């Protein structure tokens, strides 16, 4: 299952954890997705939406 926001398309970011000794290990930052019942095209649907889209009012519950 893809961890992608259905509204804005936000998805996981990849980078490095860097320790004090400058050792690098891979790290993934996941978006904060919530399952929400929202009105899409006049119908209620369950969608995965990031919290920024919920806060900004990009969807109607």
Protein backbone atom coordinates (compact mmCIF):
# COMPACT_ATOMS: atom_id res chain seq x y z
CA UNK A 1 0.00 0.00 0.00
CA UNK A 2 1.47 3.32 -1.07
CA UNK A 3 2.05 5.95 1.61
CA UNK A 4 1.01 8.88 -0.57
CA UNK A 5 -1.46 11.69 0.17
CA UNK A 6 -4.44 11.47 -2.21
CA UNK A 7 -4.75 15.28 -2.33
CA UNK A 8 -1.26 16.78 -2.58
CA UNK A 9 0.80 13.69 -3.49
CA UNK A 10 3.15 14.00 -0.52
CA UNK A 11 5.23 10.81 -0.16
CA UNK A 12 8.13 9.44 1.91
CA UNK A 13 11.46 11.31 1.90
CA UNK A 14 14.79 9.46 2.01
CA UNK A 15 18.01 10.69 3.54
CA UNK A 16 20.77 9.83 5.99
CA UNK A 17 21.01 9.65 9.76
CA UNK A 18 24.37 11.21 10.57
CA UNK A 19 25.94 10.32 13.91
CA UNK A 20 28.43 12.37 15.89
CA UNK A 21 31.20 10.17 14.40
CA UNK A 22 29.77 11.04 10.96
CA UNK A 23 28.56 7.48 10.32
CA UNK A 24 25.69 7.51 7.82
CA UNK A 25 22.74 5.12 7.73
CA UNK A 26 19.65 5.37 5.54
CA UNK A 27 16.49 6.84 7.03
CA UNK A 28 12.96 7.31 5.71
CA UNK A 29 10.62 10.09 6.84
CA UNK A 30 6.97 9.07 6.40
CA UNK A 31 4.18 11.61 5.86
CA UNK A 32 1.54 11.83 8.60
CA UNK A 33 -1.38 10.26 6.74
CA UNK A 34 -4.86 9.83 8.18
CA UNK A 35 -7.78 7.80 6.82
CA UNK A 36 -10.64 10.28 6.46
CA UNK A 37 -14.19 10.06 5.15
CA UNK A 38 -14.25 12.95 2.68
CA UNK A 39 -16.55 14.22 -0.05
CA UNK A 40 -14.95 13.56 -3.44
CA UNK A 41 -16.93 14.35 -6.60
CA UNK A 42 -20.14 14.61 -4.57
CA UNK A 43 -19.71 11.19 -2.93
CA UNK A 44 -18.33 10.16 0.44
CA UNK A 45 -15.08 8.20 0.10
CA UNK A 46 -12.35 7.00 2.42
CA UNK A 47 -9.14 8.75 1.41
CA UNK A 48 -5.61 8.90 2.82
CA UNK A 49 -4.85 12.54 3.49
CA UNK A 50 -1.85 14.22 5.12
CA UNK A 51 -2.54 16.38 8.16
CA UNK A 52 -1.48 19.54 6.34
CA UNK A 53 -4.28 19.04 3.77
CA UNK A 54 -6.78 18.42 6.58
CA UNK A 55 -5.66 21.55 8.46
CA UNK A 56 -5.67 23.78 5.39
CA UNK A 57 -9.21 22.75 4.43
CA UNK A 58 -8.22 21.09 1.13
CA UNK A 59 -10.88 18.44 1.79
CA UNK A 60 -14.43 18.55 3.10
CA UNK A 61 -15.33 15.89 5.64
